[in-house]
Amino acid sequence: MADDVLKTLEQTIRARRNASGDVSYTRKLLDGGPEKCAKKLGEEASETVIAGVSQDNAALTGEAADLLYHLLVLLEARQVPLDDVLAELERRTGQSGLEEKAARKKDG
C-alpha cells in the first residue's frame, strides 16, 4: 500500500511538470531545477529532525510526509524513477547496514 501511495504521488508530481507555475507549487519547484528542489528537501529534512526530537507524533508525521513529497520532487527534477530507488532498497534487504556501508567504501 505505501509504495502505491508513493507511486501515485510520483505520477502526480510528473503531471505537474506540465501545469502552470501560477497554480502548481510542484511546478514552481521543478522550474527551479535540482538545486532548488534539493535545498527545499534539506529544509524539510531539518524540520523532520526537529519534529523527531522535540515535537509530538502528529508533527513528526506531517514533517515526514513533507520530506517524502520533496524527495519525490527532487527525484523528478533529476529524472530518477522511484522504481530505481525501490529496487535499490530491495537489493539491500537482507544485508546488514554495516555490510552495505563496507561494500560502498570498497566500491567508492
PDB file of N, CA and C in Angstrom:
ATOM      1  N   MET A   1       0.819  -1.199   0.000  1.00  0.00           N
ATOM      2  CA  MET A   1       0.000   0.000   0.000  1.00  0.00           C
ATOM      3  C   MET A   1       0.861   1.261   0.000  1.00  0.00           C
ATOM      4  N   ALA A   2       1.905   1.308   0.833  1.00  0.00           N
ATOM      5  CA  ALA A   2       2.729   2.511   0.918  1.00  0.00           C
ATOM      6  C   ALA A   2       3.367   2.835  -0.418  1.00  0.00           C
ATOM      7  N   ASP A   3       3.883   1.813  -1.100  1.00  0.00           N
ATOM      8  CA  ASP A   3       4.510   2.121  -2.381  1.00  0.00           C
ATOM      9  C   ASP A   3       3.464   2.524  -3.423  1.00  0.00           C
ATOM     10  N   ASP A   4       2.205   2.094  -3.266  1.00  0.00           N
ATOM     11  CA  ASP A   4       1.143   2.553  -4.163  1.00  0.00           C
ATOM     12  C   ASP A   4       0.911   4.052  -3.983  1.00  0.00           C
ATOM     13  N   VAL A   5       0.897   4.507  -2.746  1.00  0.00           N
ATOM     14  CA  VAL A   5       0.709   5.931  -2.459  1.00  0.00           C
ATOM     15  C   VAL A   5       1.884   6.722  -3.026  1.00  0.00           C
ATOM     16  N   LEU A   6       3.089   6.225  -2.821  1.00  0.00           N
ATOM     17  CA  LEU A   6       4.271   6.917  -3.328  1.00  0.00           C
ATOM     18  C   LEU A   6       4.286   6.940  -4.856  1.00  0.00           C
ATOM     19  N   LYS A   7       3.893   5.846  -5.479  1.00  0.00           N
ATOM     20  CA  LYS A   7       3.862   5.809  -6.947  1.00  0.00           C
ATOM     21  C   LYS A   7       2.790   6.742  -7.502  1.00  0.00           C
ATOM     22  N   THR A   8       1.645   6.817  -6.830  1.00  0.00           N
ATOM     23  CA  THR A   8       0.600   7.752  -7.244  1.00  0.00           C
ATOM     24  C   THR A   8       1.093   9.183  -7.107  1.00  0.00           C
ATOM     25  N   LEU A   9       1.770   9.480  -6.003  1.00  0.00           N
ATOM     26  CA  LEU A   9       2.317  10.816  -5.801  1.00  0.00           C
ATOM     27  C   LEU A   9       3.383  11.120  -6.853  1.00  0.00           C
ATOM     28  N   GLU A  10       4.229  10.138  -7.166  1.00  0.00           N
ATOM     29  CA  GLU A  10       5.235  10.323  -8.209  1.00  0.00           C
ATOM     30  C   GLU A  10       4.560  10.694  -9.539  1.00  0.00           C
ATOM     31  N   GLN A  11       3.476  10.018  -9.882  1.00  0.00           N
ATOM     32  CA  GLN A  11       2.758  10.304 -11.130  1.00  0.00           C
ATOM     33  C   GLN A  11       2.142  11.704 -11.116  1.00  0.00           C
ATOM     34  N   THR A  12       1.624  12.101  -9.964  1.00  0.00           N
ATOM     35  CA  THR A  12       1.038  13.433  -9.827  1.00  0.00           C
ATOM     36  C   THR A  12       2.116  14.500  -9.999  1.00  0.00           C
ATOM     37  N   ILE A  13       3.267  14.275  -9.377  1.00  0.00           N
ATOM     38  CA  ILE A  13       4.377  15.224  -9.499  1.00  0.00           C
ATOM     39  C   ILE A  13       4.823  15.320 -10.959  1.00  0.00           C
ATOM     40  N   ARG A  14       4.940  14.192 -11.636  1.00  0.00           N
ATOM     41  CA  ARG A  14       5.331  14.191 -13.049  1.00  0.00           C
ATOM     42  C   ARG A  14       4.313  14.971 -13.886  1.00  0.00           C
ATOM     43  N   ALA A  15       3.028  14.794 -13.599  1.00  0.00           N
ATOM     44  CA  ALA A  15       1.982  15.508 -14.343  1.00  0.00           C
ATOM     45  C   ALA A  15       2.040  17.013 -14.084  1.00  0.00           C
ATOM     46  N   ARG A  16       2.454  17.401 -12.889  1.00  0.00           N
ATOM     47  CA  ARG A  16       2.531  18.827 -12.545  1.00  0.00           C
ATOM     48  C   ARG A  16       3.627  19.543 -13.342  1.00  0.00           C
ATOM     49  N   ARG A  17       4.559  18.798 -13.910  1.00  0.00           N
ATOM     50  CA  ARG A  17       5.614  19.402 -14.727  1.00  0.00           C
ATOM     51  C   ARG A  17       4.992  20.212 -15.873  1.00  0.00           C
ATOM     52  N   ASN A  18       3.800  19.806 -16.303  1.00  0.00           N
ATOM     53  CA  ASN A  18       3.128  20.473 -17.420  1.00  0.00           C
ATOM     54  C   ASN A  18       2.069  21.477 -16.965  1.00  0.00           C
ATOM     55  N   ALA A  19       1.911  21.633 -15.657  1.00  0.00           N
ATOM     56  CA  ALA A  19       0.909  22.572 -15.143  1.00  0.00           C
ATOM     57  C   ALA A  19       1.476  23.986 -15.151  1.00  0.00           C
ATOM     58  N   SER A  20       0.619  24.945 -14.944  1.00  0.00           N
ATOM     59  CA  SER A  20       1.041  26.336 -14.846  1.00  0.00           C
ATOM     60  C   SER A  20       1.736  26.580 -13.514  1.00  0.00           C
ATOM     61  N   GLY A  21       2.818  27.327 -13.553  1.00  0.00           N
ATOM     62  CA  GLY A  21       3.507  27.694 -12.325  1.00  0.00           C
ATOM     63  C   GLY A  21       2.672  28.589 -11.432  1.00  0.00           C
ATOM     64  N   ASP A  22       1.648  29.216 -12.015  1.00  0.00           N
ATOM     65  CA  ASP A  22       0.769  30.079 -11.229  1.00  0.00           C
ATOM     66  C   ASP A  22      -0.137  29.282 -10.306  1.00  0.00           C
ATOM     67  N   VAL A  23      -0.390  28.015 -10.647  1.00  0.00           N
ATOM     68  CA  VAL A  23      -1.326  27.228  -9.842  1.00  0.00           C
ATOM     69  C   VAL A  23      -0.667  25.995  -9.223  1.00  0.00           C
ATOM     70  N   SER A  24       0.577  25.718  -9.561  1.00  0.00           N
ATOM     71  CA  SER A  24       1.205  24.495  -9.078  1.00  0.00           C
ATOM     72  C   SER A  24       2.507  24.784  -8.337  1.00  0.00           C
ATOM     73  N   TYR A  25       2.498  24.523  -7.037  1.00  0.00           N
ATOM     74  CA  TYR A  25       3.706  24.645  -6.222  1.00  0.00           C
ATOM     75  C   TYR A  25       4.772  23.683  -6.728  1.00  0.00           C
ATOM     76  N   THR A  26       4.356  22.485  -7.097  1.00  0.00           N
ATOM     77  CA  THR A  26       5.294  21.487  -7.611  1.00  0.00           C
ATOM     78  C   THR A  26       5.990  22.012  -8.858  1.00  0.00           C
ATOM     79  N   ARG A  27       5.238  22.611  -9.760  1.00  0.00           N
ATOM     80  CA  ARG A  27       5.815  23.162 -10.989  1.00  0.00           C
ATOM     81  C   ARG A  27       6.843  24.243 -10.665  1.00  0.00           C
ATOM     82  N   LYS A  28       6.540  25.091  -9.686  1.00  0.00           N
ATOM     83  CA  LYS A  28       7.496  26.133  -9.291  1.00  0.00           C
ATOM     84  C   LYS A  28       8.792  25.518  -8.784  1.00  0.00           C
ATOM     85  N   LEU A  29       8.670  24.458  -7.996  1.00  0.00           N
ATOM     86  CA  LEU A  29       9.881  23.775  -7.518  1.00  0.00           C
ATOM     87  C   LEU A  29      10.669  23.203  -8.695  1.00  0.00           C
ATOM     88  N   LEU A  30       9.984  22.502  -9.580  1.00  0.00           N
ATOM     89  CA  LEU A  30      10.650  21.879 -10.727  1.00  0.00           C
ATOM     90  C   LEU A  30      11.295  22.932 -11.633  1.00  0.00           C
ATOM     91  N   ASP A  31      10.651  24.080 -11.778  1.00  0.00           N
ATOM     92  CA  ASP A  31      11.216  25.154 -12.589  1.00  0.00           C
ATOM     93  C   ASP A  31      12.535  25.660 -12.014  1.00  0.00           C
ATOM     94  N   GLY A  32      12.715  25.502 -10.701  1.00  0.00           N
ATOM     95  CA  GLY A  32      13.958  25.925 -10.061  1.00  0.00           C
ATOM     96  C   GLY A  32      15.098  24.952 -10.269  1.00  0.00           C
ATOM     97  N   GLY A  33      14.793  23.814 -10.860  1.00  0.00           N
ATOM     98  CA  GLY A  33      15.823  22.817 -11.127  1.00  0.00           C
ATOM     99  C   GLY A  33      16.200  22.013  -9.893  1.00  0.00           C
ATOM    100  N   PRO A  34      17.114  21.078 -10.073  1.00  0.00           N
ATOM    101  CA  PRO A  34      17.516  20.215  -8.956  1.00  0.00           C
ATOM    102  C   PRO A  34      18.055  20.985  -7.748  1.00  0.00           C
ATOM    103  N   GLU A  35      18.713  22.120  -7.999  1.00  0.00           N
ATOM    104  CA  GLU A  35      19.273  22.890  -6.888  1.00  0.00           C
ATOM    105  C   GLU A  35      18.181  23.382  -5.938  1.00  0.00           C
ATOM    106  N   LYS A  36      17.128  23.966  -6.501  1.00  0.00           N
ATOM    107  CA  LYS A  36      16.025  24.466  -5.669  1.00  0.00           C
ATOM    108  C   LYS A  36      15.321  23.306  -4.974  1.00  0.00           C
ATOM    109  N   CYS A  37      15.120  22.218  -5.703  1.00  0.00           N
ATOM    110  CA  CYS A  37      14.454  21.048  -5.126  1.00  0.00           C
ATOM    111  C   CYS A  37      15.284  20.453  -3.990  1.00  0.00           C
ATOM    112  N   ALA A  38      16.591  20.384  -4.172  1.00  0.00           N
ATOM    113  CA  ALA A  38      17.473  19.834  -3.133  1.00  0.00           C
ATOM    114  C   ALA A  38      17.503  20.747  -1.904  1.00  0.00           C
ATOM    115  N   LYS A  39      17.523  22.039  -2.124  1.00  0.00           N
ATOM    116  CA  LYS A  39      17.509  22.984  -0.997  1.00  0.00           C
ATOM    117  C   LYS A  39      16.234  22.805  -0.175  1.00  0.00           C
ATOM    118  N   LYS A  40      15.118  22.697  -0.854  1.00  0.00           N
ATOM    119  CA  LYS A  40      13.843  22.526  -0.148  1.00  0.00           C
ATOM    120  C   LYS A  40      13.811  21.191   0.585  1.00  0.00           C
ATOM    121  N   LEU A  41      14.361  20.142  -0.023  1.00  0.00           N
ATOM    122  CA  LEU A  41      14.440  18.842   0.650  1.00  0.00           C
ATOM    123  C   LEU A  41      15.266  18.964   1.926  1.00  0.00           C
ATOM    124  N   GLY A  42      16.379  19.681   1.858  1.00  0.00           N
ATOM    125  CA  GLY A  42      17.208  19.887   3.043  1.00  0.00           C
ATOM    126  C   GLY A  42      16.459  20.608   4.155  1.00  0.00           C
ATOM    127  N   GLU A  43      15.681  21.618   3.794  1.00  0.00           N
ATOM    128  CA  GLU A  43      14.876  22.335   4.782  1.00  0.00           C
ATOM    129  C   GLU A  43      13.875  21.393   5.440  1.00  0.00           C
ATOM    130  N   GLU A  44      13.228  20.578   4.620  1.00  0.00           N
ATOM    131  CA  GLU A  44      12.243  19.634   5.156  1.00  0.00           C
ATOM    132  C   GLU A  44      12.907  18.574   6.023  1.00  0.00           C
ATOM    133  N   ALA A  45      14.103  18.152   5.655  1.00  0.00           N
ATOM    134  CA  ALA A  45      14.828  17.172   6.475  1.00  0.00           C
ATOM    135  C   ALA A  45      15.124  17.760   7.849  1.00  0.00           C
ATOM    136  N   SER A  46      15.554  19.010   7.893  1.00  0.00           N
ATOM    137  CA  SER A  46      15.820  19.667   9.183  1.00  0.00           C
ATOM    138  C   SER A  46      14.559  19.760  10.025  1.00  0.00           C
ATOM    139  N   GLU A  47      13.454  20.118   9.389  1.00  0.00           N
ATOM    140  CA  GLU A  47      12.184  20.208  10.116  1.00  0.00           C
ATOM    141  C   GLU A  47      11.754  18.841  10.637  1.00  0.00           C
ATOM    142  N   THR A  48      12.036  17.796   9.883  1.00  0.00           N
ATOM    143  CA  THR A  48      11.697  16.437  10.316  1.00  0.00           C
ATOM    144  C   THR A  48      12.548  16.044  11.526  1.00  0.00           C
ATOM    145  N   VAL A  49      13.812  16.389  11.498  1.00  0.00           N
ATOM    146  CA  VAL A  49      14.697  16.099  12.635  1.00  0.00           C
ATOM    147  C   VAL A  49      14.196  16.812  13.885  1.00  0.00           C
ATOM    148  N   ILE A  50      13.855  18.075  13.748  1.00  0.00           N
ATOM    149  CA  ILE A  50      13.358  18.843  14.893  1.00  0.00           C
ATOM    150  C   ILE A  50      12.082  18.216  15.443  1.00  0.00           C
ATOM    151  N   ALA A  51      11.175  17.863  14.557  1.00  0.00           N
ATOM    152  CA  ALA A  51       9.923  17.225  14.998  1.00  0.00           C
ATOM    153  C   ALA A  51      10.218  15.888  15.676  1.00  0.00           C
ATOM    154  N   GLY A  52      11.218  15.182  15.164  1.00  0.00           N
ATOM    155  CA  GLY A  52      11.551  13.870  15.721  1.00  0.00           C
ATOM    156  C   GLY A  52      12.103  13.915  17.130  1.00  0.00           C
ATOM    157  N   VAL A  53      12.722  15.019  17.498  1.00  0.00           N
ATOM    158  CA  VAL A  53      13.320  15.089  18.832  1.00  0.00           C
ATOM    159  C   VAL A  53      12.574  15.995  19.808  1.00  0.00           C
ATOM    160  N   SER A  54      11.706  16.882  19.301  1.00  0.00           N
ATOM    161  CA  SER A  54      11.118  17.827  20.249  1.00  0.00           C
ATOM    162  C   SER A  54       9.634  18.115  20.054  1.00  0.00           C
ATOM    163  N   GLN A  55       8.982  17.379  19.144  1.00  0.00           N
ATOM    164  CA  GLN A  55       7.561  17.626  18.919  1.00  0.00           C
ATOM    165  C   GLN A  55       6.789  16.317  19.038  1.00  0.00           C
ATOM    166  N   ASP A  56       5.472  16.429  18.959  1.00  0.00           N
ATOM    167  CA  ASP A  56       4.649  15.231  19.108  1.00  0.00           C
ATOM    168  C   ASP A  56       4.621  14.401  17.825  1.00  0.00           C
ATOM    169  N   ASN A  57       4.006  13.225  17.921  1.00  0.00           N
ATOM    170  CA  ASN A  57       3.966  12.310  16.783  1.00  0.00           C
ATOM    171  C   ASN A  57       3.212  12.883  15.588  1.00  0.00           C
ATOM    172  N   ALA A  58       2.201  13.681  15.832  1.00  0.00           N
ATOM    173  CA  ALA A  58       1.458  14.287  14.724  1.00  0.00           C
ATOM    174  C   ALA A  58       2.354  15.236  13.932  1.00  0.00           C
ATOM    175  N   ALA A  59       3.164  16.014  14.631  1.00  0.00           N
ATOM    176  CA  ALA A  59       4.092  16.921  13.947  1.00  0.00           C
ATOM    177  C   ALA A  59       5.121  16.132  13.155  1.00  0.00           C
ATOM    178  N   LEU A  60       5.647  15.075  13.752  1.00  0.00           N
ATOM    179  CA  LEU A  60       6.620  14.243  13.049  1.00  0.00           C
ATOM    180  C   LEU A  60       5.992  13.608  11.809  1.00  0.00           C
ATOM    181  N   THR A  61       4.775  13.140  11.928  1.00  0.00           N
ATOM    182  CA  THR A  61       4.074  12.537  10.796  1.00  0.00           C
ATOM    183  C   THR A  61       3.922  13.546   9.655  1.00  0.00           C
ATOM    184  N   GLY A  62       3.511  14.746   9.974  1.00  0.00           N
ATOM    185  CA  GLY A  62       3.353  15.780   8.955  1.00  0.00           C
ATOM    186  C   GLY A  62       4.669  16.135   8.290  1.00  0.00           C
ATOM    187  N   GLU A  63       5.713  16.285   9.094  1.00  0.00           N
ATOM    188  CA  GLU A  63       7.021  16.623   8.518  1.00  0.00           C
ATOM    189  C   GLU A  63       7.577  15.469   7.688  1.00  0.00           C
ATOM    190  N   ALA A  64       7.340  14.234   8.113  1.00  0.00           N
ATOM    191  CA  ALA A  64       7.799  13.076   7.339  1.00  0.00           C
ATOM    192  C   ALA A  64       7.094  13.033   5.982  1.00  0.00           C
ATOM    193  N   ALA A  65       5.815  13.370   5.955  1.00  0.00           N
ATOM    194  CA  ALA A  65       5.079  13.414   4.693  1.00  0.00           C
ATOM    195  C   ALA A  65       5.656  14.501   3.783  1.00  0.00           C
ATOM    196  N   ASP A  66       5.952  15.672   4.353  1.00  0.00           N
ATOM    197  CA  ASP A  66       6.566  16.746   3.569  1.00  0.00           C
ATOM    198  C   ASP A  66       7.919  16.301   3.018  1.00  0.00           C
ATOM    199  N   LEU A  67       8.691  15.608   3.832  1.00  0.00           N
ATOM    200  CA  LEU A  67      10.013  15.137   3.418  1.00  0.00           C
ATOM    201  C   LEU A  67       9.910  14.164   2.247  1.00  0.00           C
ATOM    202  N   LEU A  68       8.991  13.216   2.329  1.00  0.00           N
ATOM    203  CA  LEU A  68       8.816  12.257   1.236  1.00  0.00           C
ATOM    204  C   LEU A  68       8.370  12.956  -0.049  1.00  0.00           C
ATOM    205  N   TYR A  69       7.454  13.896   0.068  1.00  0.00           N
ATOM    206  CA  TYR A  69       6.997  14.655  -1.102  1.00  0.00           C
ATOM    207  C   TYR A  69       8.180  15.367  -1.764  1.00  0.00           C
ATOM    208  N   HIS A  70       8.967  16.072  -0.965  1.00  0.00           N
ATOM    209  CA  HIS A  70      10.074  16.838  -1.536  1.00  0.00           C
ATOM    210  C   HIS A  70      11.177  15.933  -2.085  1.00  0.00           C
ATOM    211  N   LEU A  71      11.337  14.753  -1.513  1.00  0.00           N
ATOM    212  CA  LEU A  71      12.273  13.787  -2.090  1.00  0.00           C
ATOM    213  C   LEU A  71      11.793  13.362  -3.474  1.00  0.00           C
ATOM    214  N   LEU A  72      10.505  13.091  -3.605  1.00  0.00           N
ATOM    215  CA  LEU A  72       9.958  12.708  -4.908  1.00  0.00           C
ATOM    216  C   LEU A  72      10.072  13.840  -5.928  1.00  0.00           C
ATOM    217  N   VAL A  73       9.932  15.070  -5.481  1.00  0.00           N
ATOM    218  CA  VAL A  73      10.104  16.204  -6.395  1.00  0.00           C
ATOM    219  C   VAL A  73      11.557  16.270  -6.880  1.00  0.00           C
ATOM    220  N   LEU A  74      12.505  16.086  -5.983  1.00  0.00           N
ATOM    221  CA  LEU A  74      13.912  16.089  -6.386  1.00  0.00           C
ATOM    222  C   LEU A  74      14.207  14.945  -7.347  1.00  0.00           C
ATOM    223  N   LEU A  75      13.673  13.772  -7.067  1.00  0.00           N
ATOM    224  CA  LEU A  75      13.866  12.652  -7.988  1.00  0.00           C
ATOM    225  C   LEU A  75      13.318  12.986  -9.371  1.00  0.00           C
ATOM    226  N   GLU A  76      12.155  13.620  -9.424  1.00  0.00           N
ATOM    227  CA  GLU A  76      11.570  14.025 -10.711  1.00  0.00           C
ATOM    228  C   GLU A  76      12.446  15.069 -11.396  1.00  0.00           C
ATOM    229  N   ALA A  77      12.962  16.012 -10.632  1.00  0.00           N
ATOM    230  CA  ALA A  77      13.826  17.042 -11.218  1.00  0.00           C
ATOM    231  C   ALA A  77      15.062  16.425 -11.866  1.00  0.00           C
ATOM    232  N   ARG A  78      15.545  15.341 -11.282  1.00  0.00           N
ATOM    233  CA  ARG A  78      16.729  14.657 -11.812  1.00  0.00           C
ATOM    234  C   ARG A  78      16.358  13.491 -12.721  1.00  0.00           C
ATOM    235  N   GLN A  79      15.066  13.259 -12.902  1.00  0.00           N
ATOM    236  CA  GLN A  79      14.535  12.171 -13.731  1.00  0.00           C
ATOM    237  C   GLN A  79      15.043  10.802 -13.259  1.00  0.00           C
ATOM    238  N   VAL A  80      14.989  10.616 -11.943  1.00  0.00           N
ATOM    239  CA  VAL A  80      15.312   9.326 -11.322  1.00  0.00           C
ATOM    240  C   VAL A  80      13.984   8.687 -10.922  1.00  0.00           C
ATOM    241  N   PRO A  81      13.614   7.570 -11.540  1.00  0.00           N
ATOM    242  CA  PRO A  81      12.338   6.934 -11.208  1.00  0.00           C
ATOM    243  C   PRO A  81      12.320   6.371  -9.773  1.00  0.00           C
ATOM    244  N   LEU A  82      11.182   6.496  -9.137  1.00  0.00           N
ATOM    245  CA  LEU A  82      11.002   5.910  -7.817  1.00  0.00           C
ATOM    246  C   LEU A  82      11.297   4.417  -7.848  1.00  0.00           C
ATOM    247  N   ASP A  83      10.939   3.752  -8.934  1.00  0.00           N
ATOM    248  CA  ASP A  83      11.213   2.316  -9.044  1.00  0.00           C
ATOM    249  C   ASP A  83      12.700   2.009  -8.890  1.00  0.00           C
ATOM    250  N   ASP A  84      13.572   2.902  -9.353  1.00  0.00           N
ATOM    251  CA  ASP A  84      15.010   2.686  -9.189  1.00  0.00           C
ATOM    252  C   ASP A  84      15.403   2.736  -7.715  1.00  0.00           C
ATOM    253  N   VAL A  85      14.803   3.661  -6.980  1.00  0.00           N
ATOM    254  CA  VAL A  85      15.087   3.779  -5.543  1.00  0.00           C
ATOM    255  C   VAL A  85      14.552   2.556  -4.811  1.00  0.00           C
ATOM    256  N   LEU A  86      13.338   2.145  -5.158  1.00  0.00           N
ATOM    257  CA  LEU A  86      12.754   0.969  -4.518  1.00  0.00           C
ATOM    258  C   LEU A  86      13.560  -0.288  -4.836  1.00  0.00           C
ATOM    259  N   ALA A  87      14.058  -0.392  -6.059  1.00  0.00           N
ATOM    260  CA  ALA A  87      14.894  -1.547  -6.432  1.00  0.00           C
ATOM    261  C   ALA A  87      16.192  -1.558  -5.622  1.00  0.00           C
ATOM    262  N   GLU A  88      16.756  -0.384  -5.395  1.00  0.00           N
ATOM    263  CA  GLU A  88      17.982  -0.305  -4.590  1.00  0.00           C
ATOM    264  C   GLU A  88      17.698  -0.714  -3.142  1.00  0.00           C
ATOM    265  N   LEU A  89      16.573  -0.280  -2.607  1.00  0.00           N
ATOM    266  CA  LEU A  89      16.201  -0.700  -1.251  1.00  0.00           C
ATOM    267  C   LEU A  89      15.993  -2.208  -1.184  1.00  0.00           C
ATOM    268  N   GLU A  90      15.339  -2.753  -2.204  1.00  0.00           N
ATOM    269  CA  GLU A  90      15.115  -4.196  -2.235  1.00  0.00           C
ATOM    270  C   GLU A  90      16.442  -4.951  -2.321  1.00  0.00           C
ATOM    271  N   ARG A  91      17.367  -4.417  -3.106  1.00  0.00           N
ATOM    272  CA  ARG A  91      18.678  -5.045  -3.240  1.00  0.00           C
ATOM    273  C   ARG A  91      19.395  -5.098  -1.881  1.00  0.00           C
ATOM    274  N   ARG A  92      19.176  -4.080  -1.086  1.00  0.00           N
ATOM    275  CA  ARG A  92      19.836  -4.002   0.217  1.00  0.00           C
ATOM    276  C   ARG A  92      19.142  -4.834   1.292  1.00  0.00           C
ATOM    277  N   THR A  93      17.926  -5.250   1.039  1.00  0.00           N
ATOM    278  CA  THR A  93      17.175  -6.025   2.021  1.00  0.00           C
ATOM    279  C   THR A  93      17.898  -7.332   2.300  1.00  0.00           C
ATOM    280  N   GLY A  94      18.015  -7.660   3.557  1.00  0.00           N
ATOM    281  CA  GLY A  94      18.694  -8.888   3.939  1.00  0.00           C
ATOM    282  C   GLY A  94      20.178  -8.693   4.160  1.00  0.00           C
ATOM    283  N   GLN A  95      20.676  -7.520   3.861  1.00  0.00           N
ATOM    284  CA  GLN A  95      22.086  -7.209   4.083  1.00  0.00           C
ATOM    285  C   GLN A  95      22.144  -6.257   5.267  1.00  0.00           C
ATOM    286  N   SER A  96      23.057  -6.506   6.179  1.00  0.00           N
ATOM    287  CA  SER A  96      23.144  -5.606   7.327  1.00  0.00           C
ATOM    288  C   SER A  96      23.643  -4.242   6.860  1.00  0.00           C
ATOM    289  N   GLY A  97      23.264  -3.228   7.595  1.00  0.00           N
ATOM    290  CA  GLY A  97      23.718  -1.878   7.272  1.00  0.00           C
ATOM    291  C   GLY A  97      25.225  -1.757   7.304  1.00  0.00           C
ATOM    292  N   LEU A  98      25.847  -2.460   8.227  1.00  0.00           N
ATOM    293  CA  LEU A  98      27.306  -2.407   8.317  1.00  0.00           C
ATOM    294  C   LEU A  98      27.953  -3.039   7.094  1.00  0.00           C
ATOM    295  N   GLU A  99      27.402  -4.164   6.620  1.00  0.00           N
ATOM    296  CA  GLU A  99      27.936  -4.801   5.412  1.00  0.00           C
ATOM    297  C   GLU A  99      27.748  -3.900   4.196  1.00  0.00           C
ATOM    298  N   GLU A 100      26.579  -3.265   4.099  1.00  0.00           N
ATOM    299  CA  GLU A 100      26.293  -2.405   2.961  1.00  0.00           C
ATOM    300  C   GLU A 100      27.243  -1.212   2.939  1.00  0.00           C
ATOM    301  N   LYS A 101      27.500  -0.606   4.091  1.00  0.00           N
ATOM    302  CA  LYS A 101      28.413   0.541   4.154  1.00  0.00           C
ATOM    303  C   LYS A 101      29.834   0.123   3.808  1.00  0.00           C
ATOM    304  N   ALA A 102      30.248  -1.053   4.272  1.00  0.00           N
ATOM    305  CA  ALA A 102      31.588  -1.545   3.957  1.00  0.00           C
ATOM    306  C   ALA A 102      31.738  -1.796   2.460  1.00  0.00           C
ATOM    307  N   ALA A 103      30.689  -2.315   1.835  1.00  0.00           N
ATOM    308  CA  ALA A 103      30.732  -2.573   0.396  1.00  0.00           C
ATOM    309  C   ALA A 103      30.835  -1.260  -0.382  1.00  0.00           C
ATOM    310  N   ARG A 104      30.170  -0.225   0.082  1.00  0.00           N
ATOM    311  CA  ARG A 104      30.237   1.073  -0.601  1.00  0.00           C
ATOM    312  C   ARG A 104      31.641   1.668  -0.506  1.00  0.00           C
ATOM    313  N   LYS A 105      32.302   1.485   0.627  1.00  0.00           N
ATOM    314  CA  LYS A 105      33.657   2.005   0.785  1.00  0.00           C
ATOM    315  C   LYS A 105      34.621   1.313  -0.163  1.00  0.00           C
ATOM    316  N   LYS A 106      34.444   0.010  -0.363  1.00  0.00           N
ATOM    317  CA  LYS A 106      35.305  -0.731  -1.287  1.00  0.00           C
ATOM    318  C   LYS A 106      35.098  -0.262  -2.725  1.00  0.00           C
ATOM    319  N   ASP A 107      33.823   0.025  -3.069  1.00  0.00           N
ATOM    320  CA  ASP A 107      33.491   0.427  -4.446  1.00  0.00           C
ATOM    321  C   ASP A 107      33.876   1.887  -4.721  1.00  0.00           C
ATOM    322  N   GLY A 108      33.830   2.715  -3.698  1.00  0.00           N
ATOM    323  CA  GLY A 108      33.994   4.153  -3.896  1.00  0.00           C
ATOM    324  C   GLY A 108      35.361   4.612  -3.765  1.00  0.00           C
TER     325      GLY A 108
END
